[in-house]
Amino acid sequence: MWSPRRVWAVLILLAVITFLADLFGPAERWWGVDVGATGAVLFHLALIGSAVLVGLRPREVLPETWSLAEGRAWLGLAFMTMILLAFAKLLWNLAQLPEIPATPSAVPAGQYLRELVVLYIAWLVISGLLGRGAGPIELDERDLRMQIRANRVGDWALVVAIFQCIMVLALIPAALLQWWLAPIILAHALIGFLIVRTLVEHVALVAGYAWARR
């Protein structure tokens, strides 16, 4: 019989895979199956199952050597990865439009916003349920140091990304950057920087925990 920890890991992995199927599933049916619609249903079921399991066994889904902060770091990494993939799909959809939208209301972002709301709510709920039974103190000194270092890595990643954009604007002719310099596209690019910065922070955080256990 599988342990709650293994079941939770499978549910999170299933959520990521079915989320990819929902995002990038082909328009035509495969062997009579609508991959996108099926992926969306399984994705939501995986999130619900994960939340229920964490609610019932909040301390059994994490390894004994993990702190609550480390578990939340891995959870955040999974959700930030899905948010970034959804945002990349939004940019791809924008690139396929015959004309650049002039106003935010003209951006076909309905699916992305729905997915973002679902991901954010699921993230908050599961993260909150993980804290049940953790006691009044959730962070020790080690976790606090890890978080500070990860924040610095994320800040440096954002600085490097901005510097690279400045170099691109200075070195590449404006004619080749016309699409990216459109106000609505530039606004989305800035949002993308913030998403990447947060993702890098979570990567640095889980990497720090993994290194500390060596």
N, C-alpha and C. Protein backbone atom coordinates (compact mmCIF):
# COMPACT_ATOMS: atom_id res chain seq x y z
N MET A 1 0.85 -1.20 0.00
CA MET A 1 0.00 0.00 0.00
C MET A 1 0.88 1.25 0.00
N TRP A 2 0.52 2.20 -0.83
CA TRP A 2 1.33 3.41 -0.93
C TRP A 2 1.15 4.29 0.29
N SER A 3 2.24 4.95 0.67
CA SER A 3 2.19 5.89 1.78
C SER A 3 1.57 7.20 1.31
N PRO A 4 1.04 8.02 2.25
CA PRO A 4 0.50 9.33 1.86
C PRO A 4 1.52 10.18 1.13
N ARG A 5 2.81 10.04 1.49
CA ARG A 5 3.85 10.83 0.84
C ARG A 5 3.97 10.48 -0.64
N ARG A 6 3.96 9.19 -0.94
CA ARG A 6 4.08 8.76 -2.33
C ARG A 6 2.83 9.13 -3.13
N VAL A 7 1.68 8.97 -2.51
CA VAL A 7 0.43 9.34 -3.20
C VAL A 7 0.43 10.82 -3.53
N TRP A 8 0.90 11.66 -2.57
CA TRP A 8 0.91 13.10 -2.81
C TRP A 8 1.88 13.46 -3.92
N ALA A 9 3.04 12.81 -3.95
CA ALA A 9 4.01 13.06 -5.02
C ALA A 9 3.42 12.70 -6.37
N VAL A 10 2.70 11.59 -6.43
CA VAL A 10 2.07 11.17 -7.69
C VAL A 10 1.00 12.17 -8.11
N LEU A 11 0.23 12.67 -7.14
CA LEU A 11 -0.82 13.64 -7.46
C LEU A 11 -0.24 14.94 -8.00
N ILE A 12 0.86 15.41 -7.40
CA ILE A 12 1.49 16.63 -7.89
C ILE A 12 2.06 16.41 -9.29
N LEU A 13 2.71 15.27 -9.51
CA LEU A 13 3.24 14.96 -10.84
C LEU A 13 2.11 14.84 -11.86
N LEU A 14 1.01 14.21 -11.47
CA LEU A 14 -0.14 14.10 -12.36
C LEU A 14 -0.71 15.48 -12.69
N ALA A 15 -0.74 16.37 -11.69
CA ALA A 15 -1.24 17.72 -11.93
C ALA A 15 -0.39 18.44 -12.98
N VAL A 16 0.94 18.32 -12.86
CA VAL A 16 1.83 18.99 -13.82
C VAL A 16 1.64 18.41 -15.23
N ILE A 17 1.58 17.08 -15.34
CA ILE A 17 1.45 16.44 -16.65
C ILE A 17 0.12 16.79 -17.30
N THR A 18 -0.96 16.69 -16.54
CA THR A 18 -2.28 17.00 -17.11
C THR A 18 -2.42 18.49 -17.40
N PHE A 19 -1.72 19.32 -16.64
CA PHE A 19 -1.72 20.75 -16.95
C PHE A 19 -1.07 21.00 -18.30
N LEU A 20 0.01 20.29 -18.59
CA LEU A 20 0.66 20.40 -19.89
C LEU A 20 -0.27 19.91 -21.00
N ALA A 21 -1.00 18.83 -20.74
CA ALA A 21 -1.95 18.33 -21.73
C ALA A 21 -3.05 19.35 -21.99
N ASP A 22 -3.49 20.02 -20.93
CA ASP A 22 -4.52 21.05 -21.08
C ASP A 22 -3.99 22.23 -21.89
N LEU A 23 -2.73 22.61 -21.64
CA LEU A 23 -2.16 23.78 -22.32
C LEU A 23 -1.83 23.50 -23.78
N PHE A 24 -1.16 22.39 -24.01
CA PHE A 24 -0.59 22.14 -25.33
C PHE A 24 -1.23 20.96 -26.06
N GLY A 25 -2.36 20.48 -25.56
CA GLY A 25 -3.05 19.37 -26.21
C GLY A 25 -3.48 19.73 -27.62
N PRO A 26 -3.39 18.80 -28.57
CA PRO A 26 -3.76 19.08 -29.96
C PRO A 26 -5.25 19.38 -30.10
N ALA A 27 -5.58 20.17 -31.12
CA ALA A 27 -6.98 20.51 -31.35
C ALA A 27 -7.79 19.30 -31.79
N GLU A 28 -7.16 18.41 -32.59
CA GLU A 28 -7.87 17.22 -33.04
C GLU A 28 -7.81 16.13 -31.97
N ARG A 29 -8.75 15.21 -32.05
CA ARG A 29 -8.81 14.11 -31.09
C ARG A 29 -7.76 13.05 -31.42
N TRP A 30 -7.20 12.45 -30.40
CA TRP A 30 -6.29 11.32 -30.56
C TRP A 30 -7.02 10.05 -30.12
N TRP A 31 -7.22 9.15 -31.07
CA TRP A 31 -7.95 7.91 -30.79
C TRP A 31 -9.29 8.19 -30.11
N GLY A 32 -9.93 9.25 -30.57
CA GLY A 32 -11.23 9.60 -30.04
C GLY A 32 -11.22 10.35 -28.72
N VAL A 33 -10.04 10.72 -28.23
CA VAL A 33 -9.93 11.40 -26.94
C VAL A 33 -9.52 12.85 -27.15
N ASP A 34 -10.27 13.76 -26.55
CA ASP A 34 -9.90 15.17 -26.56
C ASP A 34 -8.84 15.38 -25.48
N VAL A 35 -7.59 15.47 -25.90
CA VAL A 35 -6.48 15.52 -24.94
C VAL A 35 -6.57 16.74 -24.04
N GLY A 36 -6.88 17.90 -24.64
CA GLY A 36 -6.94 19.13 -23.85
C GLY A 36 -8.03 19.08 -22.79
N ALA A 37 -9.24 18.69 -23.19
CA ALA A 37 -10.36 18.65 -22.24
C ALA A 37 -10.13 17.59 -21.17
N THR A 38 -9.63 16.42 -21.58
CA THR A 38 -9.35 15.36 -20.62
C THR A 38 -8.26 15.80 -19.63
N GLY A 39 -7.22 16.48 -20.16
CA GLY A 39 -6.17 16.97 -19.29
C GLY A 39 -6.69 17.99 -18.29
N ALA A 40 -7.60 18.87 -18.72
CA ALA A 40 -8.16 19.87 -17.82
C ALA A 40 -8.93 19.22 -16.68
N VAL A 41 -9.74 18.21 -17.02
CA VAL A 41 -10.52 17.51 -15.98
C VAL A 41 -9.60 16.82 -15.00
N LEU A 42 -8.62 16.07 -15.50
CA LEU A 42 -7.70 15.34 -14.63
C LEU A 42 -6.84 16.30 -13.80
N PHE A 43 -6.51 17.45 -14.38
CA PHE A 43 -5.73 18.45 -13.65
C PHE A 43 -6.49 18.94 -12.43
N HIS A 44 -7.75 19.29 -12.62
CA HIS A 44 -8.54 19.77 -11.49
C HIS A 44 -8.76 18.67 -10.46
N LEU A 45 -8.97 17.45 -10.92
CA LEU A 45 -9.15 16.33 -9.99
C LEU A 45 -7.87 16.08 -9.18
N ALA A 46 -6.71 16.21 -9.84
CA ALA A 46 -5.43 16.02 -9.14
C ALA A 46 -5.23 17.09 -8.07
N LEU A 47 -5.61 18.33 -8.38
CA LEU A 47 -5.49 19.40 -7.39
C LEU A 47 -6.42 19.16 -6.20
N ILE A 48 -7.65 18.76 -6.50
CA ILE A 48 -8.60 18.49 -5.42
C ILE A 48 -8.12 17.32 -4.57
N GLY A 49 -7.65 16.24 -5.23
CA GLY A 49 -7.15 15.10 -4.49
C GLY A 49 -5.95 15.46 -3.63
N SER A 50 -5.05 16.29 -4.16
CA SER A 50 -3.88 16.72 -3.40
C SER A 50 -4.29 17.52 -2.17
N ALA A 51 -5.25 18.44 -2.34
CA ALA A 51 -5.71 19.25 -1.21
C ALA A 51 -6.37 18.39 -0.15
N VAL A 52 -7.19 17.43 -0.57
CA VAL A 52 -7.87 16.54 0.39
C VAL A 52 -6.85 15.72 1.17
N LEU A 53 -5.87 15.16 0.46
CA LEU A 53 -4.86 14.34 1.12
C LEU A 53 -4.06 15.15 2.12
N VAL A 54 -3.64 16.35 1.73
CA VAL A 54 -2.88 17.21 2.65
C VAL A 54 -3.74 17.61 3.83
N GLY A 55 -5.03 17.85 3.59
CA GLY A 55 -5.92 18.20 4.69
C GLY A 55 -6.08 17.07 5.69
N LEU A 56 -6.06 15.83 5.21
CA LEU A 56 -6.24 14.68 6.10
C LEU A 56 -4.93 14.26 6.76
N ARG A 57 -3.83 14.34 6.02
CA ARG A 57 -2.52 13.89 6.53
C ARG A 57 -1.46 14.97 6.32
N PRO A 58 -1.61 16.12 6.97
CA PRO A 58 -0.70 17.24 6.67
C PRO A 58 0.77 16.98 6.95
N ARG A 59 1.08 16.17 7.97
CA ARG A 59 2.48 15.95 8.33
C ARG A 59 3.04 14.66 7.74
N GLU A 60 2.18 13.86 7.11
CA GLU A 60 2.64 12.59 6.57
C GLU A 60 3.00 12.66 5.10
N VAL A 61 2.68 13.78 4.44
CA VAL A 61 2.98 13.88 3.02
C VAL A 61 4.40 14.37 2.77
N LEU A 62 5.07 14.86 3.81
CA LEU A 62 6.45 15.34 3.67
C LEU A 62 7.41 14.36 4.32
N PRO A 63 8.62 14.22 3.76
CA PRO A 63 9.64 13.39 4.41
C PRO A 63 9.93 13.88 5.83
N GLU A 64 10.33 12.97 6.69
CA GLU A 64 10.57 13.34 8.09
C GLU A 64 11.68 14.37 8.24
N THR A 65 12.63 14.36 7.31
CA THR A 65 13.77 15.29 7.41
C THR A 65 13.46 16.67 6.87
N TRP A 66 12.27 16.84 6.28
CA TRP A 66 11.91 18.14 5.71
C TRP A 66 11.22 19.01 6.74
N SER A 67 11.51 20.30 6.68
CA SER A 67 10.75 21.26 7.46
C SER A 67 9.53 21.68 6.65
N LEU A 68 8.60 22.36 7.31
CA LEU A 68 7.43 22.87 6.62
C LEU A 68 7.83 23.85 5.51
N ALA A 69 8.84 24.68 5.80
CA ALA A 69 9.30 25.65 4.80
C ALA A 69 9.84 24.97 3.56
N GLU A 70 10.54 23.85 3.73
CA GLU A 70 11.07 23.14 2.57
C GLU A 70 9.94 22.53 1.75
N GLY A 71 8.96 21.95 2.42
CA GLY A 71 7.82 21.40 1.69
C GLY A 71 7.10 22.47 0.90
N ARG A 72 6.92 23.63 1.50
CA ARG A 72 6.26 24.73 0.80
C ARG A 72 7.11 25.25 -0.36
N ALA A 73 8.44 25.17 -0.20
CA ALA A 73 9.32 25.61 -1.28
C ALA A 73 9.15 24.71 -2.51
N TRP A 74 9.12 23.40 -2.29
CA TRP A 74 8.91 22.48 -3.41
C TRP A 74 7.53 22.66 -4.03
N LEU A 75 6.54 22.87 -3.19
CA LEU A 75 5.18 23.10 -3.70
C LEU A 75 5.15 24.37 -4.54
N GLY A 76 5.79 25.43 -4.05
CA GLY A 76 5.84 26.68 -4.80
C GLY A 76 6.56 26.52 -6.12
N LEU A 77 7.62 25.69 -6.14
CA LEU A 77 8.34 25.46 -7.39
C LEU A 77 7.44 24.81 -8.43
N ALA A 78 6.65 23.82 -7.99
CA ALA A 78 5.73 23.15 -8.92
C ALA A 78 4.70 24.14 -9.48
N PHE A 79 4.12 24.94 -8.61
CA PHE A 79 3.09 25.87 -9.07
C PHE A 79 3.67 27.00 -9.92
N MET A 80 4.85 27.50 -9.56
CA MET A 80 5.46 28.56 -10.35
C MET A 80 5.85 28.05 -11.73
N THR A 81 6.26 26.79 -11.83
CA THR A 81 6.57 26.21 -13.13
C THR A 81 5.33 26.18 -14.01
N MET A 82 4.20 25.79 -13.44
CA MET A 82 2.95 25.75 -14.21
C MET A 82 2.50 27.17 -14.60
N ILE A 83 2.68 28.13 -13.70
CA ILE A 83 2.31 29.51 -14.02
C ILE A 83 3.16 30.05 -15.17
N LEU A 84 4.47 29.75 -15.14
CA LEU A 84 5.35 30.20 -16.22
C LEU A 84 4.97 29.56 -17.55
N LEU A 85 4.64 28.26 -17.54
CA LEU A 85 4.24 27.59 -18.77
C LEU A 85 2.96 28.19 -19.33
N ALA A 86 2.02 28.49 -18.45
CA ALA A 86 0.77 29.10 -18.91
C ALA A 86 1.04 30.49 -19.49
N PHE A 87 1.95 31.23 -18.88
CA PHE A 87 2.28 32.55 -19.40
C PHE A 87 2.98 32.46 -20.74
N ALA A 88 3.87 31.46 -20.90
CA ALA A 88 4.53 31.25 -22.20
C ALA A 88 3.50 30.94 -23.28
N LYS A 89 2.48 30.17 -22.93
CA LYS A 89 1.43 29.86 -23.91
C LYS A 89 0.66 31.14 -24.27
N LEU A 90 0.45 32.01 -23.31
CA LEU A 90 -0.21 33.29 -23.60
C LEU A 90 0.61 34.12 -24.57
N LEU A 91 1.93 34.21 -24.35
CA LEU A 91 2.79 34.95 -25.27
C LEU A 91 2.76 34.33 -26.66
N TRP A 92 2.72 33.00 -26.72
CA TRP A 92 2.65 32.32 -28.01
C TRP A 92 1.35 32.69 -28.73
N ASN A 93 0.26 32.71 -28.01
CA ASN A 93 -1.02 33.09 -28.62
C ASN A 93 -0.97 34.54 -29.11
N LEU A 94 -0.32 35.41 -28.36
CA LEU A 94 -0.19 36.80 -28.81
C LEU A 94 0.62 36.88 -30.10
N ALA A 95 1.66 36.06 -30.20
CA ALA A 95 2.51 36.09 -31.39
C ALA A 95 1.77 35.61 -32.63
N GLN A 96 0.70 34.83 -32.46
CA GLN A 96 -0.04 34.31 -33.60
C GLN A 96 -1.12 35.25 -34.10
N LEU A 97 -1.39 36.33 -33.36
CA LEU A 97 -2.44 37.26 -33.77
C LEU A 97 -2.00 38.04 -35.00
N PRO A 98 -2.92 38.34 -35.91
CA PRO A 98 -2.54 39.11 -37.11
C PRO A 98 -2.13 40.54 -36.79
N GLU A 99 -2.68 41.09 -35.71
CA GLU A 99 -2.33 42.45 -35.29
C GLU A 99 -2.07 42.46 -33.79
N ILE A 100 -1.18 43.33 -33.37
CA ILE A 100 -0.89 43.47 -31.95
C ILE A 100 -2.06 44.16 -31.27
N PRO A 101 -2.61 43.60 -30.19
CA PRO A 101 -3.73 44.24 -29.49
C PRO A 101 -3.35 45.64 -29.01
N ALA A 102 -4.30 46.54 -29.13
CA ALA A 102 -4.04 47.92 -28.72
C ALA A 102 -4.44 48.17 -27.27
N THR A 103 -5.33 47.37 -26.74
CA THR A 103 -5.80 47.55 -25.37
C THR A 103 -5.76 46.20 -24.64
N PRO A 104 -5.68 46.22 -23.30
CA PRO A 104 -5.68 44.95 -22.56
C PRO A 104 -6.91 44.10 -22.80
N SER A 105 -8.06 44.73 -23.06
CA SER A 105 -9.29 43.96 -23.28
C SER A 105 -9.23 43.16 -24.58
N ALA A 106 -8.35 43.55 -25.49
CA ALA A 106 -8.24 42.84 -26.76
C ALA A 106 -7.28 41.65 -26.69
N VAL A 107 -6.62 41.47 -25.55
CA VAL A 107 -5.69 40.36 -25.39
C VAL A 107 -6.48 39.08 -25.08
N PRO A 108 -6.26 38.01 -25.83
CA PRO A 108 -6.99 36.75 -25.58
C PRO A 108 -6.43 36.03 -24.36
N ALA A 109 -6.66 36.60 -23.18
CA ALA A 109 -6.05 36.07 -21.96
C ALA A 109 -7.06 35.38 -21.05
N GLY A 110 -8.26 35.12 -21.57
CA GLY A 110 -9.29 34.52 -20.72
C GLY A 110 -8.87 33.19 -20.13
N GLN A 111 -8.33 32.30 -20.97
CA GLN A 111 -7.91 30.98 -20.49
C GLN A 111 -6.78 31.12 -19.48
N TYR A 112 -5.82 31.99 -19.78
CA TYR A 112 -4.69 32.15 -18.86
C TYR A 112 -5.15 32.67 -17.51
N LEU A 113 -6.06 33.64 -17.50
CA LEU A 113 -6.53 34.20 -16.23
C LEU A 113 -7.28 33.14 -15.42
N ARG A 114 -8.07 32.32 -16.09
CA ARG A 114 -8.77 31.24 -15.38
C ARG A 114 -7.78 30.27 -14.77
N GLU A 115 -6.78 29.89 -15.55
CA GLU A 115 -5.77 28.96 -15.05
C GLU A 115 -4.97 29.58 -13.90
N LEU A 116 -4.67 30.88 -14.02
CA LEU A 116 -3.91 31.56 -12.97
C LEU A 116 -4.70 31.59 -11.67
N VAL A 117 -5.99 31.87 -11.76
CA VAL A 117 -6.83 31.90 -10.56
C VAL A 117 -6.88 30.52 -9.91
N VAL A 118 -7.08 29.48 -10.72
CA VAL A 118 -7.13 28.11 -10.19
C VAL A 118 -5.81 27.74 -9.52
N LEU A 119 -4.69 28.04 -10.19
CA LEU A 119 -3.38 27.70 -9.64
C LEU A 119 -3.11 28.45 -8.34
N TYR A 120 -3.45 29.73 -8.32
CA TYR A 120 -3.16 30.54 -7.14
C TYR A 120 -4.00 30.08 -5.95
N ILE A 121 -5.30 29.81 -6.18
CA ILE A 121 -6.16 29.35 -5.09
C ILE A 121 -5.68 27.99 -4.58
N ALA A 122 -5.37 27.07 -5.51
CA ALA A 122 -4.90 25.75 -5.10
C ALA A 122 -3.60 25.87 -4.32
N TRP A 123 -2.71 26.73 -4.77
CA TRP A 123 -1.43 26.94 -4.07
C TRP A 123 -1.67 27.42 -2.65
N LEU A 124 -2.54 28.42 -2.47
CA LEU A 124 -2.82 28.95 -1.14
C LEU A 124 -3.45 27.90 -0.24
N VAL A 125 -4.41 27.16 -0.79
CA VAL A 125 -5.13 26.16 0.02
C VAL A 125 -4.19 25.05 0.46
N ILE A 126 -3.43 24.47 -0.49
CA ILE A 126 -2.56 23.34 -0.15
C ILE A 126 -1.43 23.80 0.77
N SER A 127 -0.88 24.98 0.52
CA SER A 127 0.19 25.50 1.38
C SER A 127 -0.33 25.73 2.79
N GLY A 128 -1.55 26.26 2.90
CA GLY A 128 -2.13 26.47 4.22
C GLY A 128 -2.40 25.16 4.94
N LEU A 129 -2.90 24.16 4.21
CA LEU A 129 -3.17 22.87 4.83
C LEU A 129 -1.89 22.18 5.29
N LEU A 130 -0.79 22.42 4.59
CA LEU A 130 0.48 21.84 5.01
C LEU A 130 0.89 22.32 6.40
N GLY A 131 0.47 23.54 6.75
CA GLY A 131 0.87 24.11 8.03
C GLY A 131 0.07 23.61 9.21
N ARG A 132 -0.98 22.82 8.95
CA ARG A 132 -1.78 22.29 10.06
C ARG A 132 -0.95 21.33 10.91
N GLY A 133 -0.94 21.58 12.19
CA GLY A 133 -0.19 20.71 13.09
C GLY A 133 1.29 21.06 13.16
N ALA A 134 1.69 22.14 12.49
CA ALA A 134 3.11 22.51 12.51
C ALA A 134 3.50 23.25 13.78
N GLY A 135 2.52 23.71 14.55
CA GLY A 135 2.84 24.46 15.75
C GLY A 135 2.94 25.94 15.46
N PRO A 136 3.16 26.76 16.49
CA PRO A 136 3.19 28.21 16.29
C PRO A 136 4.41 28.71 15.54
N ILE A 137 5.54 27.94 15.56
CA ILE A 137 6.76 28.39 14.88
C ILE A 137 6.93 27.54 13.63
N GLU A 138 6.93 28.20 12.48
CA GLU A 138 7.05 27.48 11.22
C GLU A 138 8.43 27.60 10.60
N LEU A 139 9.20 28.61 10.99
CA LEU A 139 10.52 28.81 10.40
C LEU A 139 11.58 28.78 11.50
N ASP A 140 12.62 27.99 11.31
CA ASP A 140 13.75 28.07 12.22
C ASP A 140 14.82 28.94 11.57
N GLU A 141 15.96 29.07 12.25
CA GLU A 141 17.01 29.96 11.75
C GLU A 141 17.55 29.50 10.40
N ARG A 142 17.67 28.18 10.22
CA ARG A 142 18.17 27.66 8.94
C ARG A 142 17.22 28.03 7.80
N ASP A 143 15.92 27.85 8.02
CA ASP A 143 14.95 28.17 6.97
C ASP A 143 14.98 29.65 6.63
N LEU A 144 15.15 30.48 7.65
CA LEU A 144 15.20 31.92 7.42
C LEU A 144 16.42 32.29 6.58
N ARG A 145 17.58 31.68 6.88
CA ARG A 145 18.78 31.95 6.09
C ARG A 145 18.58 31.48 4.64
N MET A 146 17.97 30.32 4.47
CA MET A 146 17.69 29.81 3.12
C MET A 146 16.82 30.79 2.34
N GLN A 147 15.79 31.30 3.00
CA GLN A 147 14.87 32.21 2.32
C GLN A 147 15.57 33.51 1.92
N ILE A 148 16.41 34.03 2.79
CA ILE A 148 17.14 35.27 2.49
C ILE A 148 18.07 35.07 1.28
N ARG A 149 18.78 33.94 1.27
CA ARG A 149 19.68 33.65 0.14
C ARG A 149 18.90 33.49 -1.15
N ALA A 150 17.77 32.79 -1.08
CA ALA A 150 16.96 32.60 -2.29
C ALA A 150 16.41 33.93 -2.79
N ASN A 151 16.03 34.81 -1.88
CA ASN A 151 15.55 36.14 -2.29
C ASN A 151 16.65 36.91 -3.02
N ARG A 152 17.86 36.80 -2.53
CA ARG A 152 18.98 37.49 -3.18
C ARG A 152 19.22 36.93 -4.58
N VAL A 153 19.16 35.60 -4.71
CA VAL A 153 19.35 34.99 -6.03
C VAL A 153 18.25 35.47 -6.98
N GLY A 154 17.01 35.51 -6.51
CA GLY A 154 15.91 35.99 -7.35
C GLY A 154 16.11 37.43 -7.76
N ASP A 155 16.57 38.26 -6.82
CA ASP A 155 16.81 39.68 -7.14
C ASP A 155 17.91 39.82 -8.19
N TRP A 156 18.98 39.04 -8.04
CA TRP A 156 20.07 39.10 -9.02
C TRP A 156 19.61 38.60 -10.39
N ALA A 157 18.76 37.58 -10.39
CA ALA A 157 18.23 37.09 -11.66
C ALA A 157 17.43 38.17 -12.37
N LEU A 158 16.64 38.93 -11.60
CA LEU A 158 15.88 40.02 -12.20
C LEU A 158 16.80 41.12 -12.72
N VAL A 159 17.84 41.43 -11.96
CA VAL A 159 18.80 42.46 -12.41
C VAL A 159 19.48 42.03 -13.70
N VAL A 160 19.90 40.77 -13.77
CA VAL A 160 20.56 40.26 -14.98
C VAL A 160 19.60 40.30 -16.17
N ALA A 161 18.35 39.92 -15.95
CA ALA A 161 17.37 39.93 -17.04
C ALA A 161 17.14 41.34 -17.56
N ILE A 162 17.04 42.31 -16.65
CA ILE A 162 16.84 43.70 -17.06
C ILE A 162 18.07 44.21 -17.81
N PHE A 163 19.26 43.87 -17.32
CA PHE A 163 20.49 44.30 -18.00
C PHE A 163 20.56 43.72 -19.41
N GLN A 164 20.19 42.46 -19.55
CA GLN A 164 20.20 41.85 -20.88
C GLN A 164 19.20 42.54 -21.81
N CYS A 165 18.06 42.92 -21.29
CA CYS A 165 17.08 43.63 -22.11
C CYS A 165 17.63 44.99 -22.56
N ILE A 166 18.33 45.66 -21.67
CA ILE A 166 18.94 46.94 -22.03
C ILE A 166 19.96 46.74 -23.15
N MET A 167 20.75 45.68 -23.05
CA MET A 167 21.74 45.39 -24.08
C MET A 167 21.06 45.07 -25.42
N VAL A 168 19.97 44.33 -25.36
CA VAL A 168 19.24 44.00 -26.59
C VAL A 168 18.68 45.27 -27.23
N LEU A 169 18.10 46.15 -26.42
CA LEU A 169 17.54 47.39 -26.96
C LEU A 169 18.63 48.28 -27.54
N ALA A 170 19.84 48.22 -26.97
CA ALA A 170 20.92 49.08 -27.43
C ALA A 170 21.61 48.53 -28.68
N LEU A 171 21.61 47.21 -28.85
CA LEU A 171 22.41 46.61 -29.91
C LEU A 171 21.60 46.12 -31.11
N ILE A 172 20.33 45.83 -30.94
CA ILE A 172 19.52 45.29 -32.03
C ILE A 172 18.67 46.41 -32.65
N PRO A 173 18.63 46.50 -33.97
CA PRO A 173 17.84 47.55 -34.62
C PRO A 173 16.38 47.51 -34.19
N ALA A 174 15.78 48.70 -34.09
CA ALA A 174 14.40 48.82 -33.62
C ALA A 174 13.43 48.07 -34.53
N ALA A 175 13.77 47.97 -35.83
CA ALA A 175 12.86 47.29 -36.75
C ALA A 175 12.68 45.82 -36.39
N LEU A 176 13.74 45.20 -35.85
CA LEU A 176 13.65 43.80 -35.46
C LEU A 176 12.96 43.61 -34.11
N LEU A 177 12.81 44.71 -33.37
CA LEU A 177 12.18 44.63 -32.05
C LEU A 177 10.79 45.24 -32.04
N GLN A 178 10.25 45.50 -33.22
CA GLN A 178 8.97 46.23 -33.29
C GLN A 178 7.87 45.52 -32.52
N TRP A 179 7.80 44.19 -32.65
CA TRP A 179 6.73 43.45 -31.97
C TRP A 179 6.89 43.56 -30.45
N TRP A 180 8.13 43.40 -29.95
CA TRP A 180 8.35 43.42 -28.52
C TRP A 180 8.20 44.82 -27.91
N LEU A 181 8.39 45.85 -28.73
CA LEU A 181 8.30 47.22 -28.22
C LEU A 181 6.88 47.76 -28.20
N ALA A 182 5.93 47.01 -28.73
CA ALA A 182 4.53 47.43 -28.63
C ALA A 182 4.15 47.49 -27.14
N PRO A 183 3.45 48.53 -26.70
CA PRO A 183 3.18 48.70 -25.26
C PRO A 183 2.56 47.48 -24.60
N ILE A 184 1.59 46.85 -25.25
CA ILE A 184 0.90 45.73 -24.60
C ILE A 184 1.84 44.52 -24.48
N ILE A 185 2.71 44.32 -25.49
CA ILE A 185 3.66 43.21 -25.43
C ILE A 185 4.74 43.50 -24.39
N LEU A 186 5.19 44.74 -24.35
CA LEU A 186 6.22 45.12 -23.37
C LEU A 186 5.70 44.95 -21.95
N ALA A 187 4.44 45.27 -21.73
CA ALA A 187 3.84 45.09 -20.41
C ALA A 187 3.84 43.62 -20.02
N HIS A 188 3.49 42.74 -20.97
CA HIS A 188 3.50 41.31 -20.69
C HIS A 188 4.92 40.80 -20.44
N ALA A 189 5.89 41.36 -21.16
CA ALA A 189 7.28 40.95 -20.94
C ALA A 189 7.73 41.29 -19.52
N LEU A 190 7.31 42.45 -19.02
CA LEU A 190 7.68 42.83 -17.66
C LEU A 190 7.04 41.89 -16.63
N ILE A 191 5.80 41.49 -16.90
CA ILE A 191 5.16 40.51 -16.03
C ILE A 191 5.93 39.19 -16.06
N GLY A 192 6.37 38.82 -17.26
CA GLY A 192 7.16 37.59 -17.40
C GLY A 192 8.44 37.64 -16.58
N PHE A 193 9.10 38.79 -16.52
CA PHE A 193 10.31 38.93 -15.72
C PHE A 193 10.03 38.63 -14.25
N LEU A 194 8.90 39.15 -13.75
CA LEU A 194 8.56 38.91 -12.35
C LEU A 194 8.27 37.44 -12.09
N ILE A 195 7.60 36.79 -13.05
CA ILE A 195 7.33 35.36 -12.90
C ILE A 195 8.62 34.56 -12.88
N VAL A 196 9.53 34.89 -13.80
CA VAL A 196 10.82 34.18 -13.86
C VAL A 196 11.63 34.43 -12.58
N ARG A 197 11.58 35.66 -12.10
CA ARG A 197 12.31 35.98 -10.87
C ARG A 197 11.82 35.12 -9.70
N THR A 198 10.50 34.98 -9.57
CA THR A 198 9.95 34.17 -8.50
C THR A 198 10.28 32.69 -8.68
N LEU A 199 10.27 32.23 -9.94
CA LEU A 199 10.63 30.84 -10.20
C LEU A 199 12.09 30.58 -9.84
N VAL A 200 12.98 31.49 -10.22
CA VAL A 200 14.40 31.33 -9.88
C VAL A 200 14.59 31.31 -8.37
N GLU A 201 13.83 32.13 -7.66
CA GLU A 201 13.92 32.14 -6.20
C GLU A 201 13.56 30.78 -5.62
N HIS A 202 12.50 30.16 -6.14
CA HIS A 202 12.09 28.84 -5.64
C HIS A 202 13.11 27.76 -6.02
N VAL A 203 13.68 27.88 -7.21
CA VAL A 203 14.73 26.93 -7.61
C VAL A 203 15.93 27.04 -6.66
N ALA A 204 16.33 28.26 -6.36
CA ALA A 204 17.46 28.46 -5.44
C ALA A 204 17.14 27.95 -4.05
N LEU A 205 15.88 28.09 -3.65
CA LEU A 205 15.49 27.65 -2.32
C LEU A 205 15.54 26.13 -2.18
N VAL A 206 14.95 25.42 -3.14
CA VAL A 206 14.97 23.95 -3.04
C VAL A 206 16.38 23.41 -3.26
N ALA A 207 17.17 24.09 -4.11
CA ALA A 207 18.55 23.67 -4.30
C ALA A 207 19.36 23.86 -3.01
N GLY A 208 19.07 24.94 -2.30
CA GLY A 208 19.75 25.16 -1.03
C GLY A 208 19.44 24.08 -0.01
N TYR A 209 18.18 23.69 0.07
CA TYR A 209 17.82 22.60 0.98
C TYR A 209 18.49 21.29 0.58
N ALA A 210 18.48 21.01 -0.71
CA ALA A 210 19.11 19.76 -1.17
C ALA A 210 20.61 19.75 -0.87
N TRP A 211 21.26 20.89 -1.05
CA TRP A 211 22.69 20.99 -0.76
C TRP A 211 22.98 20.85 0.74
N ALA A 212 22.10 21.39 1.56
CA ALA A 212 22.30 21.34 3.01
C ALA A 212 22.21 19.92 3.56
N ARG A 213 21.50 19.04 2.86
CA ARG A 213 21.36 17.67 3.33
C ARG A 213 22.49 16.76 2.86
N ARG A 214 23.40 17.28 2.03
CA ARG A 214 24.50 16.44 1.53
C ARG A 214 25.46 16.08 2.66
